[in-house]
Amino acid sequence: MTTRLWRGGRLATLAGEQGWGLVDDGALLVGGDGLLQWVGPSADAPAADAVVELGGALVTPGLVDCHTHLVYGGNRALEFEQRLHGASYADIARAGGGIKSTVAATRAATEDELLAAATKRALALRAEGVTTLEVKSGYGLDAATEARMLRVARRLAGLGLDVRTSYLAAHALPPEFADADDYIAAVCLWLPELHREGLVDAVDAFCEHIAFSPAQVARVFDAARRLGLPVKLHAEQLSDQGGAQLAAGYQALSCDHLEHLSPTGIRAMAEAGTVAVLLPGAFYALRETQLPPLAALREAGVPIALATDHNPGSSPTLSPLLMMNMACVLFRMTPEEALRGLTVNGARALGLRDRGQLVAGQRADFCVWDGGHPRELAACFGHNPLIERVFKGNRGEA
């Protein structure tokens, strides 16, 4: 088994639950199985079959983008302009825009067309250090298109990325259904076959006054539970629907957005070990003013993750580094919290405990940056001058 030693870098290991875990003049020993066999000072490094000199570069865990809608057709730039003229997210949705407009474009696209577009987006994320990402369905809203989206998401793994899929058919009510309860019945009916085909890693839903009620979401989560699938939830983005408390009752991996999260929801998430995924891109693009309750989440010990929420309407960004900066500036997260949010806590939001830190036994997913301190990743915005290399486990350099 070939081993490779990466030495002479400044490691931000993120070992433990707080602190950068900095190791100056540090080294990583990577085994042929793609795992970290040893991490520590270069002077103490064991022998290896090959050596790579890092030349003092900064090394962090590979980034984990735990919430994206990467597969879709069309774009919604018009809605950006409409919001500038005063239309709200809910106004646009009620007028047939928003998710429904993307559904029409996605249904009209072939699998190869969706793959070509999603590949460009995934490569952009990889270029900023992403090694693991989640991709949701939810722009099909019929059995055939939901399956097509999930197949495309699976095919993105060929780019040297780990891809986790979430079934989000409970995203909006499609035009062919007049009754939301009837549609939820269909969503539950489609799930077992998609699961049998190996296309679903988790089940998500949108719990909101413009989407689905807690009772309807519970039906979807019950269907997921019968199949042994974990759940996630778009919760408390525009109003407090009690979604976080509901999701925590199902031991949800994460609740995402959370601007209107209540103290009751925070307590439920803390007790369930559910990760809070904050999405500053959508907060910024929608010009929201209700901040997520960061201090209360901290106090309760709820792990806090960050993600791009890449989608064509409310967060058309492909920059995790920009999300780190926005999280610090808009939400008042610290640079360390922001990096943890896109590494170890992002991984936890996907149910993955084998990545996100540079410690022995973890996956050897890491990034090499032209920087002296990890806080620099959150300080810059609008450009990416730092990334030098992305190493992805036993797949080598991405």
Protein backbone atom coordinates (compact mmCIF):
# COMPACT_ATOMS: atom_id res chain seq x y z
CA MET A 1 0.00 0.00 0.00
CA THR A 2 1.57 3.30 -1.11
CA THR A 3 1.79 6.08 1.45
CA ARG A 4 2.37 9.74 0.76
CA LEU A 5 3.60 12.34 3.22
CA TRP A 6 2.57 15.96 2.75
CA ARG A 7 4.89 18.02 4.91
CA GLY A 8 5.94 21.58 5.64
CA GLY A 9 2.48 23.15 5.75
CA ARG A 10 0.49 25.12 8.31
CA LEU A 11 -2.35 22.78 9.22
CA ALA A 12 -5.75 23.97 10.42
CA THR A 13 -6.85 20.57 11.70
CA LEU A 14 -10.06 21.72 13.46
CA ALA A 15 -9.44 18.84 15.88
CA GLY A 16 -11.84 18.86 18.82
CA GLU A 17 -14.96 20.99 19.14
CA GLN A 18 -13.34 24.42 19.12
CA GLY A 19 -10.17 26.18 18.06
CA TRP A 20 -8.30 26.13 14.77
CA GLY A 21 -6.13 23.19 15.81
CA LEU A 22 -3.13 24.85 14.17
CA VAL A 23 0.04 22.84 13.59
CA ASP A 24 2.90 24.96 12.27
CA ASP A 25 5.29 23.10 9.98
CA GLY A 26 2.87 20.20 10.04
CA ALA A 27 2.56 17.03 8.01
CA LEU A 28 -0.13 14.59 6.85
CA LEU A 29 0.48 10.93 6.11
CA VAL A 30 -2.05 9.62 3.58
CA GLY A 31 -2.51 5.88 3.13
CA GLY A 32 -3.34 4.09 -0.07
CA ASP A 33 -6.89 3.65 1.26
CA GLY A 34 -7.42 7.42 1.14
CA LEU A 35 -7.39 7.88 4.91
CA LEU A 36 -5.18 10.01 7.09
CA GLN A 37 -2.81 7.69 8.91
CA TRP A 38 -0.94 10.34 10.91
CA VAL A 39 -1.09 14.12 11.49
CA GLY A 40 1.46 16.18 13.41
CA PRO A 41 4.69 18.19 13.27
CA SER A 42 6.88 17.51 10.25
CA ALA A 43 9.84 16.80 12.52
CA ASP A 44 8.01 13.81 13.99
CA ALA A 45 6.61 12.47 10.73
CA PRO A 46 6.93 8.75 9.95
CA ALA A 47 8.55 7.43 6.79
CA ALA A 48 6.48 7.31 3.60
CA ASP A 49 6.78 5.95 0.07
CA ALA A 50 6.51 9.45 -1.40
CA VAL A 51 6.89 12.99 -0.05
CA VAL A 52 5.18 16.22 -1.16
CA GLU A 53 6.62 19.51 0.08
CA LEU A 54 3.97 22.08 0.98
CA GLY A 55 6.33 25.04 1.24
CA GLY A 56 4.56 26.64 4.18
CA ALA A 57 1.12 26.66 2.54
CA LEU A 58 -2.07 26.58 4.59
CA VAL A 59 -3.90 23.24 4.69
CA THR A 60 -7.53 22.80 5.76
CA PRO A 61 -10.04 19.98 5.53
CA GLY A 62 -11.88 19.78 2.22
CA LEU A 63 -15.04 21.89 2.19
CA VAL A 64 -18.46 20.28 2.51
CA ASP A 65 -21.38 22.06 0.81
CA CYS A 66 -24.29 20.40 2.61
CA HIS A 67 -27.22 22.19 0.92
CA THR A 68 -27.42 22.74 -2.85
CA HIS A 69 -30.04 22.59 -5.61
CA LEU A 70 -27.39 22.05 -8.26
CA VAL A 71 -29.49 20.25 -10.90
CA TYR A 72 -32.04 22.38 -12.74
CA GLY A 73 -32.92 23.95 -16.06
CA GLY A 74 -33.22 27.62 -16.98
CA ASN A 75 -32.50 30.64 -14.80
CA ARG A 76 -34.50 33.18 -12.79
CA ALA A 77 -32.61 36.42 -13.29
CA LEU A 78 -35.93 38.15 -13.99
CA GLU A 79 -36.96 37.52 -10.39
CA PHE A 80 -33.87 39.33 -9.16
CA GLU A 81 -35.10 42.39 -11.01
CA GLN A 82 -38.66 41.90 -9.76
CA ARG A 83 -37.47 41.83 -6.16
CA LEU A 84 -35.59 45.08 -6.72
CA HIS A 85 -38.92 46.60 -7.74
CA GLY A 86 -40.53 45.46 -4.49
CA ALA A 87 -41.89 41.97 -5.17
CA SER A 88 -41.35 39.52 -2.33
CA TYR A 89 -40.32 35.87 -2.61
CA ALA A 90 -43.88 34.90 -1.69
CA ASP A 91 -45.39 37.36 -4.22
CA ILE A 92 -43.32 35.86 -7.03
CA ALA A 93 -44.23 32.32 -6.02
CA ARG A 94 -47.96 33.08 -5.94
CA ALA A 95 -47.72 34.61 -9.41
CA GLY A 96 -46.35 31.36 -10.85
CA GLY A 97 -42.69 32.25 -10.62
CA GLY A 98 -40.13 30.95 -8.19
CA ILE A 99 -39.83 27.21 -7.88
CA LYS A 100 -42.62 26.57 -10.38
CA SER A 101 -40.84 28.41 -13.18
CA THR A 102 -37.72 26.31 -12.63
CA VAL A 103 -39.88 23.18 -12.61
CA ALA A 104 -41.12 23.98 -16.12
CA ALA A 105 -37.56 24.50 -17.41
CA THR A 106 -36.26 21.38 -15.68
CA ARG A 107 -39.04 19.16 -17.01
CA ALA A 108 -38.24 20.37 -20.52
CA ALA A 109 -34.52 19.54 -20.24
CA THR A 110 -32.99 16.18 -21.13
CA GLU A 111 -30.81 14.28 -18.70
CA ASP A 112 -27.70 15.13 -20.71
CA GLU A 113 -28.63 18.82 -20.76
CA LEU A 114 -29.13 18.81 -17.00
CA LEU A 115 -25.84 16.99 -16.51
CA ALA A 116 -23.90 19.44 -18.69
CA ALA A 117 -25.21 22.43 -16.74
CA ALA A 118 -24.78 20.79 -13.33
CA THR A 119 -21.24 19.71 -14.20
CA LYS A 120 -20.16 23.32 -14.73
CA ARG A 121 -21.64 24.26 -11.36
CA ALA A 122 -20.04 21.34 -9.56
CA LEU A 123 -16.64 22.14 -11.06
CA ALA A 124 -16.97 25.73 -9.86
CA LEU A 125 -17.59 24.48 -6.33
CA ARG A 126 -14.66 22.07 -6.57
CA ALA A 127 -12.42 24.94 -7.70
CA GLU A 128 -13.10 26.66 -4.36
CA GLY A 129 -12.25 23.61 -2.29
CA VAL A 130 -15.45 21.58 -2.12
CA THR A 131 -14.80 17.85 -1.87
CA THR A 132 -18.26 16.70 -0.68
CA LEU A 133 -21.60 18.17 -1.64
CA GLU A 134 -25.28 17.48 -1.29
CA VAL A 135 -27.65 17.81 -4.25
CA LYS A 136 -31.42 17.98 -3.90
CA SER A 137 -34.18 17.10 -6.34
CA GLY A 138 -37.35 19.16 -6.10
CA TYR A 139 -37.50 20.89 -9.48
CA GLY A 140 -39.27 17.98 -11.15
CA LEU A 141 -42.34 17.47 -8.97
CA ASP A 142 -43.28 14.42 -11.02
CA ALA A 143 -41.89 10.91 -10.78
CA ALA A 144 -39.95 10.94 -14.03
CA THR A 145 -38.23 14.30 -13.58
CA GLU A 146 -37.42 13.75 -9.91
CA ALA A 147 -35.71 10.49 -10.92
CA ARG A 148 -33.88 12.25 -13.76
CA MET A 149 -32.54 14.91 -11.38
CA LEU A 150 -31.34 12.31 -8.89
CA ARG A 151 -29.61 10.29 -11.62
CA VAL A 152 -27.79 13.42 -12.75
CA ALA A 153 -26.72 14.10 -9.17
CA ARG A 154 -25.30 10.58 -8.91
CA ARG A 155 -23.37 11.10 -12.16
CA LEU A 156 -21.62 14.17 -10.73
CA ALA A 157 -19.56 11.81 -8.58
CA GLY A 158 -17.53 11.14 -11.71
CA LEU A 159 -15.95 14.58 -11.22
CA GLY A 160 -13.95 13.38 -8.23
CA LEU A 161 -16.50 14.61 -5.69
CA ASP A 162 -18.53 12.79 -3.08
CA VAL A 163 -22.20 13.53 -3.78
CA ARG A 164 -25.07 12.92 -1.36
CA THR A 165 -28.62 13.13 -2.70
CA SER A 166 -31.77 14.41 -1.03
CA TYR A 167 -35.28 13.71 -2.32
CA LEU A 168 -37.13 17.06 -2.18
CA ALA A 169 -40.31 16.38 -4.14
CA ALA A 170 -42.18 18.10 -1.27
CA HIS A 171 -40.80 21.42 -2.48
CA ALA A 172 -43.85 23.05 -4.08
CA LEU A 173 -47.28 22.11 -5.41
CA PRO A 174 -47.03 21.33 -9.15
CA PRO A 175 -49.62 22.78 -11.55
CA GLU A 176 -51.28 19.43 -12.29
CA PHE A 177 -52.33 19.01 -8.64
CA ALA A 178 -55.09 21.12 -7.14
CA ASP A 179 -54.89 19.58 -3.68
CA ALA A 180 -51.69 19.54 -1.61
CA ASP A 181 -52.70 16.43 0.32
CA ASP A 182 -53.15 14.52 -2.93
CA TYR A 183 -49.72 15.63 -4.06
CA ILE A 184 -48.11 14.58 -0.78
CA ALA A 185 -49.64 11.14 -1.29
CA ALA A 186 -47.91 10.99 -4.69
CA VAL A 187 -44.59 12.14 -3.18
CA CYS A 188 -44.78 9.27 -0.69
CA LEU A 189 -45.73 6.83 -3.44
CA TRP A 190 -42.71 7.71 -5.64
CA LEU A 191 -40.14 7.40 -2.87
CA PRO A 192 -39.85 3.60 -2.49
CA GLU A 193 -38.96 3.03 -6.16
CA LEU A 194 -36.36 5.81 -6.12
CA HIS A 195 -34.91 4.27 -2.99
CA ARG A 196 -34.79 0.82 -4.60
CA GLU A 197 -32.87 2.33 -7.51
CA GLY A 198 -30.25 3.65 -5.06
CA LEU A 199 -30.95 7.28 -5.86
CA VAL A 200 -31.85 8.65 -2.41
CA ASP A 201 -29.58 9.24 0.59
CA ALA A 202 -31.99 11.46 2.57
CA VAL A 203 -35.47 12.99 2.34
CA ASP A 204 -36.10 16.74 2.55
CA ALA A 205 -39.19 18.96 2.48
CA PHE A 206 -40.13 22.65 2.48
CA CYS A 207 -42.25 23.49 5.53
CA GLU A 208 -43.63 26.98 4.95
CA HIS A 209 -46.89 28.85 4.44
CA ILE A 210 -46.21 28.95 0.69
CA ALA A 211 -45.25 25.28 0.60
CA PHE A 212 -46.37 22.44 2.93
CA SER A 213 -47.76 22.24 6.44
CA PRO A 214 -46.13 20.37 9.32
CA ALA A 215 -48.81 17.67 9.06
CA GLN A 216 -48.06 17.16 5.36
CA VAL A 217 -44.31 17.09 6.00
CA ALA A 218 -44.86 14.49 8.72
CA ARG A 219 -46.46 12.19 6.15
CA VAL A 220 -43.36 12.46 3.96
CA PHE A 221 -41.08 11.85 6.94
CA ASP A 222 -43.13 8.80 7.94
CA ALA A 223 -42.58 7.40 4.44
CA ALA A 224 -38.84 8.05 4.81
CA ARG A 225 -38.77 6.38 8.23
CA ARG A 226 -40.41 3.24 6.84
CA LEU A 227 -37.49 2.95 4.41
CA GLY A 228 -34.84 3.75 7.00
CA LEU A 229 -33.92 7.04 5.30
CA PRO A 230 -32.78 10.08 7.33
CA VAL A 231 -34.60 13.39 6.95
CA LYS A 232 -33.73 17.07 6.60
CA LEU A 233 -35.99 20.12 6.46
CA HIS A 234 -36.21 23.59 4.95
CA ALA A 235 -37.55 25.16 8.14
CA GLU A 236 -38.49 28.58 9.49
CA GLN A 237 -37.16 30.53 6.50
CA LEU A 238 -40.04 32.96 6.03
CA SER A 239 -42.14 32.28 9.14
CA ASP A 240 -42.24 30.04 12.19
CA GLN A 241 -44.22 26.95 11.23
CA GLY A 242 -42.83 24.74 14.01
CA GLY A 243 -40.95 22.76 11.39
CA ALA A 244 -37.72 22.49 13.36
CA GLN A 245 -39.48 20.93 16.32
CA LEU A 246 -41.25 18.49 13.98
CA ALA A 247 -38.01 17.55 12.22
CA ALA A 248 -36.16 17.08 15.51
CA GLY A 249 -38.85 14.61 16.51
CA TYR A 250 -37.69 12.51 13.56
CA GLN A 251 -34.03 12.88 14.59
CA ALA A 252 -33.43 15.02 11.50
CA LEU A 253 -29.87 15.39 10.26
CA SER A 254 -30.41 19.12 9.80
CA CYS A 255 -32.84 21.99 9.68
CA ASP A 256 -31.90 24.66 7.15
CA HIS A 257 -32.46 28.44 6.83
CA LEU A 258 -33.91 29.04 10.36
CA GLU A 259 -34.28 32.83 10.34
CA HIS A 260 -37.57 32.51 12.28
CA LEU A 261 -36.50 29.65 14.53
CA SER A 262 -38.13 29.75 17.98
CA PRO A 263 -36.61 28.88 21.37
CA THR A 264 -38.78 25.75 21.37
CA GLY A 265 -37.30 24.71 18.01
CA ILE A 266 -33.77 25.36 19.28
CA ARG A 267 -34.31 23.17 22.34
CA ALA A 268 -35.74 20.37 20.22
CA MET A 269 -32.80 20.52 17.81
CA ALA A 270 -30.29 20.50 20.65
CA GLU A 271 -31.91 17.44 22.23
CA ALA A 272 -32.02 15.59 18.90
CA GLY A 273 -28.49 16.50 17.82
CA THR A 274 -29.90 18.15 14.69
CA VAL A 275 -27.49 20.48 12.86
CA ALA A 276 -28.52 24.07 12.08
CA VAL A 277 -27.60 24.91 8.48
CA LEU A 278 -27.46 28.66 7.89
CA LEU A 279 -27.71 29.94 4.34
CA PRO A 280 -26.41 33.52 4.07
CA GLY A 281 -26.67 33.59 0.27
CA ALA A 282 -30.46 33.34 0.35
CA PHE A 283 -30.65 35.78 3.27
CA TYR A 284 -28.63 38.29 1.23
CA ALA A 285 -30.37 37.80 -2.11
CA LEU A 286 -33.85 38.05 -0.62
CA ARG A 287 -32.81 41.08 1.44
CA GLU A 288 -34.10 39.48 4.61
CA THR A 289 -33.93 41.37 7.90
CA GLN A 290 -34.77 38.63 10.41
CA LEU A 291 -31.43 37.18 11.47
CA PRO A 292 -31.14 33.53 12.49
CA PRO A 293 -30.79 33.23 16.29
CA LEU A 294 -27.05 32.61 16.29
CA ALA A 295 -26.42 33.40 19.96
CA ALA A 296 -29.21 31.10 21.12
CA LEU A 297 -27.97 28.28 18.88
CA ARG A 298 -24.48 28.69 20.32
CA GLU A 299 -25.77 28.70 23.88
CA ALA A 300 -27.81 25.55 23.27
CA GLY A 301 -24.82 23.76 21.75
CA VAL A 302 -26.49 23.19 18.38
CA PRO A 303 -23.82 22.51 15.70
CA ILE A 304 -23.91 25.24 13.05
CA ALA A 305 -23.16 24.50 9.40
CA LEU A 306 -23.00 26.76 6.35
CA ALA A 307 -23.81 26.03 2.71
CA THR A 308 -24.16 27.85 -0.59
CA ASP A 309 -27.82 26.83 -1.09
CA HIS A 310 -26.97 27.17 -4.78
CA ASN A 311 -30.24 27.53 -6.69
CA PRO A 312 -31.40 29.65 -9.63
CA GLY A 313 -33.70 31.94 -7.66
CA SER A 314 -32.70 32.90 -4.14
CA SER A 315 -29.01 31.97 -3.95
CA PRO A 316 -27.36 31.67 -7.38
CA THR A 317 -23.86 31.59 -5.91
CA LEU A 318 -21.15 28.99 -6.42
CA SER A 319 -18.72 30.41 -3.87
CA PRO A 320 -18.42 28.74 -0.46
CA LEU A 321 -15.74 31.30 0.43
CA LEU A 322 -18.22 34.11 -0.16
CA MET A 323 -20.67 32.30 2.12
CA MET A 324 -18.01 32.26 4.85
CA ASN A 325 -17.55 36.00 4.48
CA MET A 326 -21.30 36.67 4.46
CA ALA A 327 -21.80 34.50 7.52
CA CYS A 328 -19.24 36.59 9.38
CA VAL A 329 -20.47 39.98 8.17
CA LEU A 330 -24.24 39.39 8.12
CA PHE A 331 -24.69 36.81 10.89
CA ARG A 332 -21.67 37.77 13.05
CA MET A 333 -20.18 34.30 13.00
CA THR A 334 -16.47 34.07 13.74
CA PRO A 335 -14.08 32.98 10.96
CA GLU A 336 -13.46 29.76 12.88
CA GLU A 337 -17.19 29.05 13.12
CA ALA A 338 -17.53 29.74 9.41
CA LEU A 339 -14.78 27.28 8.48
CA ARG A 340 -16.20 24.66 10.83
CA GLY A 341 -19.58 25.31 9.24
CA LEU A 342 -18.22 24.34 5.83
CA THR A 343 -16.20 21.37 7.06
CA VAL A 344 -16.91 19.29 10.14
CA ASN A 345 -20.42 20.63 10.81
CA GLY A 346 -21.31 20.54 7.13
CA ALA A 347 -20.34 16.87 7.16
CA ARG A 348 -22.46 16.25 10.26
CA ALA A 349 -25.44 17.82 8.49
CA LEU A 350 -25.11 14.99 5.96
CA GLY A 351 -24.68 12.31 8.61
CA LEU A 352 -20.97 11.94 7.73
CA ARG A 353 -18.54 11.58 10.62
CA ASP A 354 -15.53 10.48 8.57
CA ARG A 355 -14.48 13.88 7.21
CA GLY A 356 -14.23 17.58 8.03
CA GLN A 357 -11.17 17.44 10.31
CA LEU A 358 -7.50 16.66 9.73
CA VAL A 359 -7.08 13.85 12.25
CA ALA A 360 -5.88 10.26 11.91
CA GLY A 361 -8.62 7.93 10.72
CA GLN A 362 -10.53 10.61 8.81
CA ARG A 363 -10.73 10.76 5.03
CA ALA A 364 -7.77 12.51 3.44
CA ASP A 365 -9.90 15.26 1.87
CA PHE A 366 -7.98 18.50 2.17
CA CYS A 367 -7.21 21.79 0.46
CA VAL A 368 -3.89 23.60 0.07
CA TRP A 369 -4.20 27.38 0.15
CA ASP A 370 -1.81 30.25 -0.56
CA GLY A 371 -2.40 31.78 2.84
CA GLY A 372 -0.85 32.12 6.26
CA HIS A 373 -3.91 31.74 8.51
CA PRO A 374 -7.34 30.15 8.01
CA ARG A 375 -9.11 33.39 8.93
CA GLU A 376 -8.01 34.67 5.51
CA LEU A 377 -10.54 32.34 3.85
CA ALA A 378 -13.40 34.30 5.40
CA ALA A 379 -11.82 37.72 5.08
CA CYS A 380 -11.63 37.89 1.28
CA PHE A 381 -14.67 38.07 -1.01
CA GLY A 382 -15.49 38.49 -4.65
CA HIS A 383 -12.47 36.53 -5.86
CA ASN A 384 -10.57 33.38 -5.01
CA PRO A 385 -6.80 33.97 -5.03
CA LEU A 386 -6.01 31.38 -2.39
CA ILE A 387 -6.73 27.83 -3.57
CA GLU A 388 -3.71 25.94 -4.83
CA ARG A 389 -4.64 22.25 -4.70
CA VAL A 390 -7.57 20.07 -3.71
CA PHE A 391 -6.79 16.51 -2.63
CA LYS A 392 -9.64 14.00 -2.50
CA GLY A 393 -8.87 10.86 -0.55
CA ASN A 394 -7.71 7.92 -2.64
CA ARG A 395 -8.75 9.69 -5.86
CA GLY A 396 -5.73 12.00 -5.71
CA GLU A 397 -5.84 15.60 -6.75
CA ALA A 398 -9.24 16.83 -7.91
